[in-house]
């Protein structure tokens, strides 16, 4: 995975509004690599602190990092059994909203 890809992933992720979530797949599509959701996950694993990695989750609404639950709840997002309640309502799709 190259640095340009990582930077693009991080820049898109910074745009996710507080109280909303996006998915690895949606971010991958937004940066032009629709089949690279796993690479987005890897990029998020090493992201700078100013990138809200806790707002990027699986396309099923499930948290991949259980520790993110507290951060999401602090933003008003309800999480139950590591899954976002009202996921479809809270979903931020960069292709639709940018």
C-alpha atoms as a PDB file:
ATOM      1  CA  UNK A   1       0.000   0.000   0.000  1.00  0.00           C
ATOM      2  CA  UNK A   2       1.494   3.308  -0.988  1.00  0.00           C
ATOM      3  CA  UNK A   3       1.608   6.565   0.937  1.00  0.00           C
ATOM      4  CA  UNK A   4      -0.620   8.424  -1.527  1.00  0.00           C
ATOM      5  CA  UNK A   5      -3.410   5.891  -0.958  1.00  0.00           C
ATOM      6  CA  UNK A   6      -3.043   6.230   2.820  1.00  0.00           C
ATOM      7  CA  UNK A   7      -3.133  10.016   2.642  1.00  0.00           C
ATOM      8  CA  UNK A   8      -6.279   9.928   0.499  1.00  0.00           C
ATOM      9  CA  UNK A   9      -7.968   7.539   2.948  1.00  0.00           C
ATOM     10  CA  UNK A  10      -7.041   9.739   5.896  1.00  0.00           C
ATOM     11  CA  UNK A  11      -8.216  12.952   4.213  1.00  0.00           C
ATOM     12  CA  UNK A  12     -11.621  11.464   3.357  1.00  0.00           C
ATOM     13  CA  UNK A  13     -11.929  10.022   6.868  1.00  0.00           C
ATOM     14  CA  UNK A  14     -11.303  13.432   8.419  1.00  0.00           C
ATOM     15  CA  UNK A  15     -14.447  14.662   6.656  1.00  0.00           C
ATOM     16  CA  UNK A  16     -16.801  12.213   8.403  1.00  0.00           C
ATOM     17  CA  UNK A  17     -19.005  14.411  10.579  1.00  0.00           C
ATOM     18  CA  UNK A  18     -19.108  13.901  14.330  1.00  0.00           C
ATOM     19  CA  UNK A  19     -22.020  11.623  15.193  1.00  0.00           C
ATOM     20  CA  UNK A  20     -21.865   9.799  11.839  1.00  0.00           C
ATOM     21  CA  UNK A  21     -19.998   6.727  10.587  1.00  0.00           C
ATOM     22  CA  UNK A  22     -18.719   5.450   7.269  1.00  0.00           C
ATOM     23  CA  UNK A  23     -17.386   2.096   6.096  1.00  0.00           C
ATOM     24  CA  UNK A  24     -14.093   0.785   4.821  1.00  0.00           C
ATOM     25  CA  UNK A  25     -15.775   0.002   1.500  1.00  0.00           C
ATOM     26  CA  UNK A  26     -17.300   3.464   1.098  1.00  0.00           C
ATOM     27  CA  UNK A  27     -13.928   5.081   1.755  1.00  0.00           C
ATOM     28  CA  UNK A  28     -12.267   2.706  -0.732  1.00  0.00           C
ATOM     29  CA  UNK A  29     -14.798   3.677  -3.416  1.00  0.00           C
ATOM     30  CA  UNK A  30     -14.330   7.366  -2.653  1.00  0.00           C
ATOM     31  CA  UNK A  31     -10.583   7.167  -3.276  1.00  0.00           C
ATOM     32  CA  UNK A  32     -11.082   5.223  -6.514  1.00  0.00           C
ATOM     33  CA  UNK A  33     -10.285   1.691  -5.362  1.00  0.00           C
ATOM     34  CA  UNK A  34     -13.658   0.007  -4.780  1.00  0.00           C
ATOM     35  CA  UNK A  35     -12.171  -3.434  -4.105  1.00  0.00           C
ATOM     36  CA  UNK A  36      -9.645  -2.279  -1.521  1.00  0.00           C
ATOM     37  CA  UNK A  37     -11.661  -2.048   1.707  1.00  0.00           C
ATOM     38  CA  UNK A  38      -9.094  -4.214   3.525  1.00  0.00           C
ATOM     39  CA  UNK A  39      -6.372  -1.781   2.532  1.00  0.00           C
ATOM     40  CA  UNK A  40      -8.462   1.039   3.985  1.00  0.00           C
ATOM     41  CA  UNK A  41      -8.595  -0.923   7.243  1.00  0.00           C
ATOM     42  CA  UNK A  42      -4.836  -1.318   7.223  1.00  0.00           C
ATOM     43  CA  UNK A  43      -4.364   2.391   6.514  1.00  0.00           C
ATOM     44  CA  UNK A  44      -6.672   3.274   9.403  1.00  0.00           C
ATOM     45  CA  UNK A  45      -4.612   1.064  11.711  1.00  0.00           C
ATOM     46  CA  UNK A  46      -1.647   3.394  11.380  1.00  0.00           C
ATOM     47  CA  UNK A  47      -3.423   6.715  11.000  1.00  0.00           C
ATOM     48  CA  UNK A  48      -2.444   9.954  12.735  1.00  0.00           C
ATOM     49  CA  UNK A  49      -4.354  10.989  15.867  1.00  0.00           C
ATOM     50  CA  UNK A  50      -6.300  13.700  14.011  1.00  0.00           C
ATOM     51  CA  UNK A  51      -8.006  11.055  11.830  1.00  0.00           C
ATOM     52  CA  UNK A  52     -11.243   9.771  13.427  1.00  0.00           C
ATOM     53  CA  UNK A  53     -10.572   6.066  12.853  1.00  0.00           C
ATOM     54  CA  UNK A  54     -13.406   5.177  15.236  1.00  0.00           C
ATOM     55  CA  UNK A  55     -15.913   6.518  12.676  1.00  0.00           C
ATOM     56  CA  UNK A  56     -14.839   4.010   9.992  1.00  0.00           C
ATOM     57  CA  UNK A  57     -16.464   0.615  10.525  1.00  0.00           C
ATOM     58  CA  UNK A  58     -17.564  -2.451   8.589  1.00  0.00           C
ATOM     59  CA  UNK A  59     -20.332  -2.182   6.014  1.00  0.00           C
ATOM     60  CA  UNK A  60     -22.566  -4.272   8.277  1.00  0.00           C
ATOM     61  CA  UNK A  61     -22.383  -1.637  11.012  1.00  0.00           C
ATOM     62  CA  UNK A  62     -20.149  -3.740  13.236  1.00  0.00           C
ATOM     63  CA  UNK A  63     -17.170  -2.294  15.077  1.00  0.00           C
ATOM     64  CA  UNK A  64     -13.885  -3.891  14.118  1.00  0.00           C
ATOM     65  CA  UNK A  65     -12.155  -2.367  17.148  1.00  0.00           C
ATOM     66  CA  UNK A  66     -14.181  -2.815  20.360  1.00  0.00           C
ATOM     67  CA  UNK A  67     -12.336   0.079  22.022  1.00  0.00           C
ATOM     68  CA  UNK A  68     -14.011   2.464  19.585  1.00  0.00           C
ATOM     69  CA  UNK A  69     -17.395   1.940  21.237  1.00  0.00           C
ATOM     70  CA  UNK A  70     -16.650   4.453  23.984  1.00  0.00           C
ATOM     71  CA  UNK A  71     -15.561   7.132  21.498  1.00  0.00           C
ATOM     72  CA  UNK A  72     -18.642   6.629  19.349  1.00  0.00           C
ATOM     73  CA  UNK A  73     -20.958   6.737  22.346  1.00  0.00           C
ATOM     74  CA  UNK A  74     -19.309   9.987  23.445  1.00  0.00           C
ATOM     75  CA  UNK A  75     -20.435  11.398  20.068  1.00  0.00           C
ATOM     76  CA  UNK A  76     -24.016  10.289  20.684  1.00  0.00           C
ATOM     77  CA  UNK A  77     -23.914   7.090  18.613  1.00  0.00           C
ATOM     78  CA  UNK A  78     -25.686   4.130  20.196  1.00  0.00           C
ATOM     79  CA  UNK A  79     -23.782   0.850  20.080  1.00  0.00           C
ATOM     80  CA  UNK A  80     -25.162  -2.521  21.141  1.00  0.00           C
ATOM     81  CA  UNK A  81     -23.174  -5.766  20.950  1.00  0.00           C
ATOM     82  CA  UNK A  82     -20.446  -3.966  18.975  1.00  0.00           C
ATOM     83  CA  UNK A  83     -22.988  -2.922  16.339  1.00  0.00           C
ATOM     84  CA  UNK A  84     -24.178   0.600  15.488  1.00  0.00           C
ATOM     85  CA  UNK A  85     -27.876   1.145  16.146  1.00  0.00           C
ATOM     86  CA  UNK A  86     -29.563   3.047  13.315  1.00  0.00           C
ATOM     87  CA  UNK A  87     -26.545   2.335  11.120  1.00  0.00           C
ATOM     88  CA  UNK A  88     -28.302   3.212   7.861  1.00  0.00           C
ATOM     89  CA  UNK A  89     -29.518   6.519   9.290  1.00  0.00           C
ATOM     90  CA  UNK A  90     -26.049   7.461  10.581  1.00  0.00           C
ATOM     91  CA  UNK A  91     -24.122   6.224   7.539  1.00  0.00           C
ATOM     92  CA  UNK A  92     -22.056   8.877   5.770  1.00  0.00           C
ATOM     93  CA  UNK A  93     -21.295   8.045   2.146  1.00  0.00           C
ATOM     94  CA  UNK A  94     -18.547  10.295   0.794  1.00  0.00           C
ATOM     95  CA  UNK A  95     -19.661   9.708  -2.802  1.00  0.00           C
ATOM     96  CA  UNK A  96     -23.110  11.095  -1.969  1.00  0.00           C
ATOM     97  CA  UNK A  97     -22.153  13.808   0.495  1.00  0.00           C
ATOM     98  CA  UNK A  98     -19.030  15.406  -0.929  1.00  0.00           C
END
